[in-house]
C-alpha atoms as a PDB file:
ATOM      1  CA  MET A   1       5.756   2.993 -19.594  1.00  0.00           C
ATOM      2  CA  SER A   2       6.511   0.514 -16.848  1.00  0.00           C
ATOM      3  CA  SER A   3       8.422  -2.622 -17.700  1.00  0.00           C
ATOM      4  CA  ALA A   4       5.409  -4.829 -18.417  1.00  0.00           C
ATOM      5  CA  VAL A   5       6.125  -8.475 -19.081  1.00  0.00           C
ATOM      6  CA  THR A   6       3.940 -10.161 -21.674  1.00  0.00           C
ATOM      7  CA  GLU A   7       5.644 -13.554 -21.704  1.00  0.00           C
ATOM      8  CA  HIS A   8       7.524 -14.694 -18.664  1.00  0.00           C
ATOM      9  CA  THR A   9       8.292 -17.615 -16.435  1.00  0.00           C
ATOM     10  CA  GLU A  10       7.232 -17.110 -12.859  1.00  0.00           C
ATOM     11  CA  PRO A  11       9.950 -18.044 -10.341  1.00  0.00           C
ATOM     12  CA  ASP A  12       9.047 -20.848  -7.947  1.00  0.00           C
ATOM     13  CA  HIS A  13      10.284 -18.920  -4.944  1.00  0.00           C
ATOM     14  CA  ILE A  14      12.389 -15.851  -4.317  1.00  0.00           C
ATOM     15  CA  VAL A  15      14.135 -14.717  -1.173  1.00  0.00           C
ATOM     16  CA  LEU A  16      12.551 -11.447  -0.084  1.00  0.00           C
ATOM     17  CA  GLN A  17      15.034  -8.704   0.658  1.00  0.00           C
ATOM     18  CA  ALA A  18      14.693  -5.166   1.976  1.00  0.00           C
ATOM     19  CA  ARG A  19      16.179  -2.596  -0.403  1.00  0.00           C
ATOM     20  CA  ASP A  20      17.669   0.371   1.428  1.00  0.00           C
ATOM     21  CA  VAL A  21      16.253   2.976  -0.946  1.00  0.00           C
ATOM     22  CA  GLU A  22      16.389   6.748  -0.625  1.00  0.00           C
ATOM     23  CA  PHE A  23      14.368   9.368  -2.488  1.00  0.00           C
ATOM     24  CA  ASP A  24      15.233  13.031  -3.027  1.00  0.00           C
ATOM     25  CA  TRP A  25      12.090  15.160  -2.705  1.00  0.00           C
ATOM     26  CA  SER A  26      13.813  18.545  -3.068  1.00  0.00           C
ATOM     27  CA  THR A  27      12.379  19.150  -6.557  1.00  0.00           C
ATOM     28  CA  LEU A  28       8.915  17.699  -5.860  1.00  0.00           C
ATOM     29  CA  PRO A  29       6.154  20.265  -6.495  1.00  0.00           C
ATOM     30  CA  MET A  30       2.980  20.292  -4.395  1.00  0.00           C
ATOM     31  CA  HIS A  31       1.017  18.942  -7.365  1.00  0.00           C
ATOM     32  CA  TRP A  32       3.413  16.354  -8.712  1.00  0.00           C
ATOM     33  CA  MET A  33       0.778  15.126 -11.152  1.00  0.00           C
ATOM     34  CA  PRO A  34       0.830  18.308 -13.282  1.00  0.00           C
ATOM     35  CA  GLY A  35      -2.445  20.203 -13.324  1.00  0.00           C
ATOM     36  CA  ASP A  36      -4.178  17.544 -11.240  1.00  0.00           C
ATOM     37  CA  PRO A  37      -4.424  18.362  -7.510  1.00  0.00           C
ATOM     38  CA  PHE A  38      -7.129  15.726  -7.060  1.00  0.00           C
ATOM     39  CA  GLY A  39      -5.047  12.915  -8.574  1.00  0.00           C
ATOM     40  CA  THR A  40      -1.981  14.055  -6.631  1.00  0.00           C
ATOM     41  CA  HIS A  41      -3.828  13.985  -3.327  1.00  0.00           C
ATOM     42  CA  VAL A  42      -5.548  10.655  -3.914  1.00  0.00           C
ATOM     43  CA  PHE A  43      -2.055   9.163  -4.114  1.00  0.00           C
ATOM     44  CA  ASN A  44      -0.857  11.322  -1.216  1.00  0.00           C
ATOM     45  CA  VAL A  45      -3.335   9.509   1.021  1.00  0.00           C
ATOM     46  CA  LEU A  46      -1.015   6.521   0.676  1.00  0.00           C
ATOM     47  CA  HIS A  47       1.752   8.492   2.368  1.00  0.00           C
ATOM     48  CA  MET A  48      -0.556   9.304   5.294  1.00  0.00           C
ATOM     49  CA  LEU A  49      -1.926   5.772   5.732  1.00  0.00           C
ATOM     50  CA  LEU A  50       1.092   3.600   5.100  1.00  0.00           C
ATOM     51  CA  PRO A  51       3.740   4.618   7.667  1.00  0.00           C
ATOM     52  CA  ALA A  52       1.480   3.870  10.657  1.00  0.00           C
ATOM     53  CA  GLY A  53      -0.093   0.874   8.946  1.00  0.00           C
ATOM     54  CA  GLU A  54       3.158  -0.712   7.894  1.00  0.00           C
ATOM     55  CA  GLU A  55       4.739  -0.137  11.289  1.00  0.00           C
ATOM     56  CA  TRP A  56       1.737  -2.035  12.680  1.00  0.00           C
ATOM     57  CA  PHE A  57       2.318  -4.827  10.138  1.00  0.00           C
ATOM     58  CA  VAL A  58       5.938  -5.096  11.294  1.00  0.00           C
ATOM     59  CA  GLU A  59       5.110  -5.223  15.017  1.00  0.00           C
ATOM     60  CA  THR A  60       2.308  -7.752  14.511  1.00  0.00           C
ATOM     61  CA  PHE A  61       4.498 -10.041  12.397  1.00  0.00           C
ATOM     62  CA  LYS A  62       7.293  -9.791  14.972  1.00  0.00           C
ATOM     63  CA  GLU A  63       4.747 -10.959  17.533  1.00  0.00           C
ATOM     64  CA  ALA A  64       3.782 -13.915  15.327  1.00  0.00           C
ATOM     65  CA  LEU A  65       7.288 -14.937  14.235  1.00  0.00           C
ATOM     66  CA  PRO A  66       8.242 -16.966  17.370  1.00  0.00           C
ATOM     67  CA  LEU A  67       5.080 -19.054  16.894  1.00  0.00           C
ATOM     68  CA  ILE A  68       5.904 -20.048  13.288  1.00  0.00           C
ATOM     69  CA  GLU A  69       7.817 -23.327  12.985  1.00  0.00           C
ATOM     70  CA  ASP A  70       7.752 -23.618   9.180  1.00  0.00           C
ATOM     71  CA  GLU A  71      11.261 -22.508   8.138  1.00  0.00           C
ATOM     72  CA  LYS A  72      10.292 -21.315   4.639  1.00  0.00           C
ATOM     73  CA  LEU A  73       7.427 -19.253   6.028  1.00  0.00           C
ATOM     74  CA  ARG A  74       9.711 -17.827   8.733  1.00  0.00           C
ATOM     75  CA  GLU A  75      12.153 -16.753   6.024  1.00  0.00           C
ATOM     76  CA  ASP A  76       9.335 -15.078   4.087  1.00  0.00           C
ATOM     77  CA  VAL A  77       8.087 -13.285   7.201  1.00  0.00           C
ATOM     78  CA  ILE A  78      11.561 -11.930   7.988  1.00  0.00           C
ATOM     79  CA  GLY A  79      11.856 -10.618   4.416  1.00  0.00           C
ATOM     80  CA  PHE A  80       8.344  -9.148   4.614  1.00  0.00           C
ATOM     81  CA  ILE A  81       9.189  -7.336   7.872  1.00  0.00           C
ATOM     82  CA  GLY A  82      12.286  -5.797   6.301  1.00  0.00           C
ATOM     83  CA  GLN A  83      10.454  -4.609   3.198  1.00  0.00           C
ATOM     84  CA  GLU A  84       7.516  -3.141   5.131  1.00  0.00           C
ATOM     85  CA  ALA A  85       9.855  -1.227   7.443  1.00  0.00           C
ATOM     86  CA  MET A  86      11.530   0.367   4.413  1.00  0.00           C
ATOM     87  CA  HIS A  87       8.121   1.262   2.907  1.00  0.00           C
ATOM     88  CA  ALA A  88       7.086   3.087   6.086  1.00  0.00           C
ATOM     89  CA  ASN A  89      10.334   5.050   6.074  1.00  0.00           C
ATOM     90  CA  ALA A  90      10.108   6.006   2.375  1.00  0.00           C
ATOM     91  CA  HIS A  91       6.566   7.344   2.640  1.00  0.00           C
ATOM     92  CA  SER A  92       7.408   9.289   5.798  1.00  0.00           C
ATOM     93  CA  GLY A  93       9.862  11.322   3.726  1.00  0.00           C
ATOM     94  CA  VAL A  94       6.999  12.579   1.545  1.00  0.00           C
ATOM     95  CA  LEU A  95       5.078  13.664   4.654  1.00  0.00           C
ATOM     96  CA  GLU A  96       8.061  15.699   5.832  1.00  0.00           C
ATOM     97  CA  HIS A  97       8.238  17.357   2.402  1.00  0.00           C
ATOM     98  CA  LEU A  98       4.515  18.208   2.458  1.00  0.00           C
ATOM     99  CA  LYS A  99       4.822  19.734   5.925  1.00  0.00           C
ATOM    100  CA  ALA A 100       7.826  21.807   4.895  1.00  0.00           C
ATOM    101  CA  ASN A 101       5.767  23.197   2.003  1.00  0.00           C
ATOM    102  CA  GLY A 102       2.798  24.271   4.089  1.00  0.00           C
ATOM    103  CA  LEU A 103       0.567  21.192   4.117  1.00  0.00           C
ATOM    104  CA  ASP A 104       0.793  19.687   7.595  1.00  0.00           C
ATOM    105  CA  PRO A 105      -0.504  16.076   7.553  1.00  0.00           C
ATOM    106  CA  THR A 106      -0.052  15.639  11.323  1.00  0.00           C
ATOM    107  CA  PRO A 107      -3.749  15.879  12.356  1.00  0.00           C
ATOM    108  CA  PHE A 108      -4.549  12.964  10.037  1.00  0.00           C
ATOM    109  CA  THR A 109      -1.417  10.892  10.647  1.00  0.00           C
ATOM    110  CA  ASP A 110      -1.791  11.216  14.433  1.00  0.00           C
ATOM    111  CA  GLN A 111      -5.191   9.572  14.096  1.00  0.00           C
ATOM    112  CA  MET A 112      -3.694   6.784  11.999  1.00  0.00           C
ATOM    113  CA  HIS A 113      -0.987   6.115  14.588  1.00  0.00           C
ATOM    114  CA  TRP A 114      -3.683   5.945  17.283  1.00  0.00           C
ATOM    115  CA  ALA A 115      -5.850   3.596  15.198  1.00  0.00           C
ATOM    116  CA  PHE A 116      -3.045   1.176  14.361  1.00  0.00           C
ATOM    117  CA  GLY A 117      -1.009   1.523  17.557  1.00  0.00           C
ATOM    118  CA  LYS A 118      -3.780   1.646  20.161  1.00  0.00           C
ATOM    119  CA  LEU A 119      -7.023   0.380  18.630  1.00  0.00           C
ATOM    120  CA  LEU A 120      -5.380  -2.488  16.730  1.00  0.00           C
ATOM    121  CA  GLY A 121      -2.281  -2.952  18.850  1.00  0.00           C
ATOM    122  CA  PRO A 122      -1.433  -5.673  21.387  1.00  0.00           C
ATOM    123  CA  ARG A 123      -3.687  -6.106  24.412  1.00  0.00           C
ATOM    124  CA  PRO A 124      -2.944  -7.454  27.894  1.00  0.00           C
ATOM    125  CA  LEU A 125      -4.455 -10.870  27.154  1.00  0.00           C
ATOM    126  CA  THR A 126      -3.196 -14.367  27.905  1.00  0.00           C
ATOM    127  CA  GLY A 127      -3.665 -17.877  26.582  1.00  0.00           C
ATOM    128  CA  MET A 128      -6.133 -18.506  23.768  1.00  0.00           C
ATOM    129  CA  ARG A 129      -7.561 -14.987  23.984  1.00  0.00           C
ATOM    130  CA  ALA A 130      -4.113 -13.531  23.247  1.00  0.00           C
ATOM    131  CA  ARG A 131      -3.598 -15.955  20.359  1.00  0.00           C
ATOM    132  CA  ASN A 132      -7.025 -15.189  18.902  1.00  0.00           C
ATOM    133  CA  HIS A 133      -6.361 -11.447  19.057  1.00  0.00           C
ATOM    134  CA  LEU A 134      -3.069 -12.007  17.217  1.00  0.00           C
ATOM    135  CA  VAL A 135      -4.659 -14.179  14.522  1.00  0.00           C
ATOM    136  CA  GLU A 136      -7.461 -11.653  14.034  1.00  0.00           C
ATOM    137  CA  ARG A 137      -4.887  -8.941  13.363  1.00  0.00           C
ATOM    138  CA  LEU A 138      -2.985 -11.241  10.989  1.00  0.00           C
ATOM    139  CA  ALA A 139      -6.233 -11.815   9.078  1.00  0.00           C
ATOM    140  CA  LEU A 140      -6.818  -8.063   8.844  1.00  0.00           C
ATOM    141  CA  ILE A 141      -3.294  -7.640   7.464  1.00  0.00           C
ATOM    142  CA  ALA A 142      -3.908 -10.383   4.883  1.00  0.00           C
ATOM    143  CA  ALA A 143      -7.043  -8.563   3.739  1.00  0.00           C
ATOM    144  CA  ILE A 144      -5.164  -5.254   3.468  1.00  0.00           C
ATOM    145  CA  GLU A 145      -2.284  -6.926   1.631  1.00  0.00           C
ATOM    146  CA  HIS A 146      -4.737  -8.190  -0.986  1.00  0.00           C
ATOM    147  CA  ILE A 147      -5.579  -4.553  -1.714  1.00  0.00           C
ATOM    148  CA  THR A 148      -1.955  -3.392  -1.767  1.00  0.00           C
ATOM    149  CA  ALA A 149      -1.042  -6.297  -4.079  1.00  0.00           C
ATOM    150  CA  PHE A 150      -3.599  -5.528  -6.765  1.00  0.00           C
ATOM    151  CA  LEU A 151      -2.875  -1.802  -6.501  1.00  0.00           C
ATOM    152  CA  GLY A 152       0.818  -2.608  -6.860  1.00  0.00           C
ATOM    153  CA  ASP A 153       0.040  -4.612  -9.980  1.00  0.00           C
ATOM    154  CA  TRP A 154      -2.089  -1.743 -11.296  1.00  0.00           C
ATOM    155  CA  VAL A 155       0.583   0.925 -10.777  1.00  0.00           C
ATOM    156  CA  LEU A 156       3.210  -1.210 -12.536  1.00  0.00           C
ATOM    157  CA  ASN A 157       0.989  -1.342 -15.617  1.00  0.00           C
ATOM    158  CA  ALA A 158      -0.639   2.109 -15.497  1.00  0.00           C
ATOM    159  CA  ASP A 159       0.409   3.775 -18.765  1.00  0.00           C
ATOM    160  CA  GLY A 160      -1.795   6.721 -17.806  1.00  0.00           C
ATOM    161  CA  LEU A 161       0.708   7.725 -15.123  1.00  0.00           C
ATOM    162  CA  ASP A 162       3.419   8.032 -17.771  1.00  0.00           C
ATOM    163  CA  ARG A 163       1.115  10.018 -20.056  1.00  0.00           C
ATOM    164  CA  ALA A 164       0.277  12.357 -17.154  1.00  0.00           C
ATOM    165  CA  GLU A 165       4.012  13.181 -16.867  1.00  0.00           C
ATOM    166  CA  MET A 166       4.063  12.482 -13.143  1.00  0.00           C
ATOM    167  CA  HIS A 167       7.191  13.597 -11.294  1.00  0.00           C
ATOM    168  CA  PRO A 168       9.719  10.800 -11.976  1.00  0.00           C
ATOM    169  CA  THR A 169      10.845  10.365  -8.368  1.00  0.00           C
ATOM    170  CA  MET A 170       7.267   9.934  -7.152  1.00  0.00           C
ATOM    171  CA  LEU A 171       6.527   7.523  -9.994  1.00  0.00           C
ATOM    172  CA  ASP A 172       9.575   5.485  -9.023  1.00  0.00           C
ATOM    173  CA  LEU A 173       8.496   5.435  -5.359  1.00  0.00           C
ATOM    174  CA  LEU A 174       5.023   4.194  -6.291  1.00  0.00           C
ATOM    175  CA  ARG A 175       6.309   1.540  -8.696  1.00  0.00           C
ATOM    176  CA  TRP A 176       9.142   0.412  -6.399  1.00  0.00           C
ATOM    177  CA  HIS A 177       6.642   0.010  -3.580  1.00  0.00           C
ATOM    178  CA  GLY A 178       4.076  -1.590  -5.892  1.00  0.00           C
ATOM    179  CA  ALA A 179       6.666  -4.070  -7.172  1.00  0.00           C
ATOM    180  CA  GLU A 180       7.607  -5.132  -3.650  1.00  0.00           C
ATOM    181  CA  GLU A 181       3.915  -5.511  -2.749  1.00  0.00           C
ATOM    182  CA  VAL A 182       3.541  -7.870  -5.700  1.00  0.00           C
ATOM    183  CA  GLU A 183       6.790  -9.613  -4.770  1.00  0.00           C
ATOM    184  CA  HIS A 184       5.593 -10.435  -1.226  1.00  0.00           C
ATOM    185  CA  ARG A 185       1.852 -10.591  -1.987  1.00  0.00           C
ATOM    186  CA  ALA A 186       1.362 -14.124  -0.633  1.00  0.00           C
ATOM    187  CA  VAL A 187       3.177 -13.788   2.691  1.00  0.00           C
ATOM    188  CA  ALA A 188       0.415 -12.290   4.848  1.00  0.00           C
ATOM    189  CA  TYR A 189      -2.126 -14.694   3.369  1.00  0.00           C
ATOM    190  CA  ASP A 190       0.149 -17.683   4.017  1.00  0.00           C
ATOM    191  CA  VAL A 191       0.704 -16.546   7.612  1.00  0.00           C
ATOM    192  CA  MET A 192      -3.025 -16.212   8.205  1.00  0.00           C
ATOM    193  CA  ARG A 193      -3.643 -19.686   6.750  1.00  0.00           C
ATOM    194  CA  TYR A 194      -0.844 -21.104   8.894  1.00  0.00           C
ATOM    195  CA  PHE A 195      -2.743 -20.047  12.013  1.00  0.00           C
ATOM    196  CA  ASP A 196      -6.343 -20.359  10.779  1.00  0.00           C
ATOM    197  CA  LYS A 197      -7.557 -22.032   7.593  1.00  0.00           C
ATOM    198  CA  ARG A 198     -11.232 -21.212   8.147  1.00  0.00           C
ATOM    199  CA  GLU A 199     -12.957 -19.248   5.399  1.00  0.00           C
ATOM    200  CA  SER A 200     -15.189 -17.443   7.916  1.00  0.00           C
ATOM    201  CA  ARG A 201     -12.420 -15.307   9.427  1.00  0.00           C
ATOM    202  CA  ARG A 202     -10.901 -14.542   6.028  1.00  0.00           C
ATOM    203  CA  ILE A 203     -14.210 -13.301   4.607  1.00  0.00           C
ATOM    204  CA  ARG A 204     -15.275 -11.482   7.774  1.00  0.00           C
ATOM    205  CA  THR A 205     -12.062  -9.485   8.059  1.00  0.00           C
ATOM    206  CA  GLN A 206     -12.231  -8.395   4.412  1.00  0.00           C
ATOM    207  CA  LEU A 207     -15.818  -7.232   5.005  1.00  0.00           C
ATOM    208  CA  VAL A 208     -14.354  -4.956   7.684  1.00  0.00           C
ATOM    209  CA  VAL A 209     -11.270  -3.865   5.744  1.00  0.00           C
ATOM    210  CA  THR A 210     -12.870  -2.931   2.408  1.00  0.00           C
ATOM    211  CA  PRO A 211     -15.286  -0.205   3.608  1.00  0.00           C
ATOM    212  CA  ALA A 212     -12.730   1.033   6.154  1.00  0.00           C
ATOM    213  CA  ILE A 213     -10.083   1.564   3.465  1.00  0.00           C
ATOM    214  CA  VAL A 214     -12.556   3.318   1.136  1.00  0.00           C
ATOM    215  CA  TRP A 215     -13.727   5.589   3.965  1.00  0.00           C
ATOM    216  CA  LEU A 216     -10.185   6.477   5.028  1.00  0.00           C
ATOM    217  CA  TRP A 217      -9.167   7.198   1.435  1.00  0.00           C
ATOM    218  CA  VAL A 218     -12.113   9.529   0.827  1.00  0.00           C
ATOM    219  CA  ARG A 219     -11.534  11.229   4.178  1.00  0.00           C
ATOM    220  CA  GLY A 220      -7.804  11.610   3.491  1.00  0.00           C
ATOM    221  CA  THR A 221      -8.372  13.125   0.047  1.00  0.00           C
ATOM    222  CA  ARG A 222     -10.825  15.637   1.505  1.00  0.00           C
ATOM    223  CA  PHE A 223      -8.309  16.542   4.241  1.00  0.00           C
ATOM    224  CA  LEU A 224      -5.506  17.152   1.737  1.00  0.00           C
ATOM    225  CA  MET A 225      -7.623  19.168  -0.704  1.00  0.00           C
ATOM    226  CA  ARG A 226      -8.994  21.292   2.156  1.00  0.00           C
ATOM    227  CA  ASN A 227      -5.527  22.032   3.584  1.00  0.00           C
ATOM    228  CA  ASP A 228      -3.535  22.441   0.353  1.00  0.00           C
ATOM    229  CA  PRO A 229      -2.132  26.004   0.525  1.00  0.00           C
ATOM    230  CA  GLU A 230      -1.906  26.200  -3.270  1.00  0.00           C
ATOM    231  CA  LEU A 231      -5.682  25.758  -3.514  1.00  0.00           C
ATOM    232  CA  ALA A 232      -6.451  28.568  -1.048  1.00  0.00           C
ATOM    233  CA  ALA A 233      -8.022  30.705  -3.787  1.00  0.00           C
ATOM    234  CA  TRP A 234     -10.413  27.931  -4.858  1.00  0.00           C
ATOM    235  CA  SER A 235     -14.022  28.000  -3.678  1.00  0.00           C
ATOM    236  CA  PRO A 236     -14.994  25.482  -0.960  1.00  0.00           C
ATOM    237  CA  HIS A 237     -17.045  23.547  -3.529  1.00  0.00           C
ATOM    238  CA  ARG A 238     -14.138  23.298  -5.957  1.00  0.00           C
ATOM    239  CA  ARG A 239     -11.737  22.193  -3.221  1.00  0.00           C
ATOM    240  CA  LYS A 240     -14.057  19.384  -2.198  1.00  0.00           C
ATOM    241  CA  PRO A 241     -13.307  16.164  -4.151  1.00  0.00           C
ATOM    242  CA  HIS A 242     -16.201  14.709  -6.107  1.00  0.00           C
ATOM    243  CA  TRP A 243     -16.899  11.250  -7.474  1.00  0.00           C
ATOM    244  CA  SER A 244     -16.903  12.798 -10.960  1.00  0.00           C
ATOM    245  CA  ASP A 245     -13.193  13.593 -10.428  1.00  0.00           C
ATOM    246  CA  PHE A 246     -12.553   9.932  -9.617  1.00  0.00           C
ATOM    247  CA  PHE A 247     -14.435   8.658 -12.683  1.00  0.00           C
ATOM    248  CA  ALA A 248     -12.623  11.159 -14.940  1.00  0.00           C
ATOM    249  CA  ALA A 249      -9.238  10.027 -13.559  1.00  0.00           C
ATOM    250  CA  GLY A 250     -10.222   6.431 -14.318  1.00  0.00           C
ATOM    251  CA  ARG A 251     -10.949   7.367 -17.914  1.00  0.00           C
ATOM    252  CA  ARG A 252      -7.551   9.070 -18.180  1.00  0.00           C
ATOM    253  CA  GLY A 253      -5.838   6.060 -16.652  1.00  0.00           C
ATOM    254  CA  THR A 254      -4.348   7.981 -13.723  1.00  0.00           C
ATOM    255  CA  LEU A 255      -6.464   6.033 -11.211  1.00  0.00           C
ATOM    256  CA  PRO A 256      -8.055   2.582 -11.398  1.00  0.00           C
ATOM    257  CA  THR A 257     -11.592   2.537 -12.779  1.00  0.00           C
ATOM    258  CA  ALA A 258     -14.489   1.731 -10.461  1.00  0.00           C
ATOM    259  CA  PRO A 259     -15.324  -1.570 -12.270  1.00  0.00           C
ATOM    260  CA  ASP A 260     -11.680  -2.669 -12.044  1.00  0.00           C
ATOM    261  CA  LEU A 261     -11.554  -1.859  -8.319  1.00  0.00           C
ATOM    262  CA  VAL A 262     -14.751  -3.797  -7.648  1.00  0.00           C
ATOM    263  CA  LYS A 263     -13.512  -6.773  -9.670  1.00  0.00           C
ATOM    264  CA  ARG A 264     -10.088  -6.866  -8.042  1.00  0.00           C
ATOM    265  CA  MET A 265     -11.425  -6.232  -4.528  1.00  0.00           C
ATOM    266  CA  SER A 266     -14.104  -8.933  -4.782  1.00  0.00           C
ATOM    267  CA  ALA A 267     -11.622 -11.625  -5.863  1.00  0.00           C
ATOM    268  CA  TYR A 268     -10.744 -12.081  -2.186  1.00  0.00           C
ATOM    269  CA  PHE A 269     -14.245 -13.350  -1.441  1.00  0.00           C
ATOM    270  CA  THR A 270     -13.993 -16.358  -3.773  1.00  0.00           C
ATOM    271  CA  ARG A 271     -13.081 -19.797  -2.448  1.00  0.00           C
ATOM    272  CA  SER A 272     -10.514 -20.190  -5.223  1.00  0.00           C
ATOM    273  CA  TYR A 273      -8.651 -17.019  -4.178  1.00  0.00           C
ATOM    274  CA  ASP A 274      -4.865 -17.245  -4.254  1.00  0.00           C
ATOM    275  CA  PRO A 275      -2.769 -14.066  -3.927  1.00  0.00           C
ATOM    276  CA  ARG A 276      -0.232 -15.519  -6.332  1.00  0.00           C
ATOM    277  CA  ASN A 277      -2.750 -14.850  -9.108  1.00  0.00           C
ATOM    278  CA  GLU A 278      -2.620 -11.102  -8.379  1.00  0.00           C
ATOM    279  CA  GLY A 279       0.130  -9.732 -10.573  1.00  0.00           C
ATOM    280  CA  SER A 280       3.426 -11.187 -11.758  1.00  0.00           C
ATOM    281  CA  THR A 281       6.504 -11.796  -9.641  1.00  0.00           C
ATOM    282  CA  ALA A 282       8.618 -11.767 -12.813  1.00  0.00           C
ATOM    283  CA  GLN A 283       7.330  -8.307 -13.737  1.00  0.00           C
ATOM    284  CA  ALA A 284       7.898  -7.029 -10.202  1.00  0.00           C
ATOM    285  CA  VAL A 285      11.481  -8.312 -10.142  1.00  0.00           C
ATOM    286  CA  GLU A 286      12.093  -6.815 -13.585  1.00  0.00           C
ATOM    287  CA  TYR A 287      10.940  -3.392 -12.423  1.00  0.00           C
ATOM    288  CA  LEU A 288      13.052  -3.613  -9.272  1.00  0.00           C
ATOM    289  CA  ALA A 289      16.072  -4.329 -11.463  1.00  0.00           C
ATOM    290  CA  SER A 290      15.453  -1.060 -13.348  1.00  0.00           C
ATOM    291  CA  SER A 291      14.091   1.206 -10.572  1.00  0.00           C
ATOM    292  CA  PRO A 292      16.504   4.156 -10.098  1.00  0.00           C
ATOM    293  CA  ALA A 293      16.090   4.023  -6.302  1.00  0.00           C
ATOM    294  CA  ALA A 294      16.463   0.244  -6.070  1.00  0.00           C
ATOM    295  CA  ARG A 295      19.508   0.270  -8.353  1.00  0.00           C
ATOM    296  CA  ALA A 296      21.114   3.008  -6.262  1.00  0.00           C
ATOM    297  CA  ALA A 297      20.451   0.952  -3.110  1.00  0.00           C
ATOM    298  CA  ALA A 298      22.028  -2.115  -4.716  1.00  0.00           C
ATOM    299  CA  ARG A 299      25.167  -0.123  -5.502  1.00  0.00           C
END
């Protein structure tokens, strides 16, 4: 089980640091959640979404950094940029492993790079229009970071992943990344509020982000199941993911349940929302102190 903390004192503030982790995928099987191609590929969608998305986070925050005069927030943003850059690199390694084993994610990841780099990238604007476009993207990132924070908290506490005997290197990647998402969960929100404290933009951008993320995740799972060479003998119907697979995984504890997802997702819409209530910094730091990859990076 993950290193859950039942009684702890939350630190007032920690200095965010990028951990130069490396993962060895040489022994990773195609279905690293044994006997569960569906569960494996639901998680594999992360590897297809995150490199392009987190590179976009980094570039957008670099664009915002010169405009931030609050020294503490600047320090947090610099730490956030470093961590997100490492996340993008770590997940890219899984994509290379998949491709080497006959599952080429390029058609999907090319679309993600276009979406984040072109559709959501900088535009040749000036003055207030340029600033508004920047703040809109920062608000979108804050909405996405809410999702990554509660998923990070979930994966740190998901006993079902241990019971499923997931490949240990992949489990460490997911929990290392989840712990850092919890660790920096307030940064994107604080940056958005620094530039725009209005509730309207915060709510509106989450109304865009939530269905977009769900749609991309479903689409990504279908892509992976359809192109998995080890499922070539399965019928088209069996290779197609079904909602019943998702509900069954929730019961096993290898994916969040639908009610939990709805509850955690909808927290962002409340006026009392504070990302610091999503998960525990103390638990995240404790896992990072025991993570094989993070410990190796520290050495």
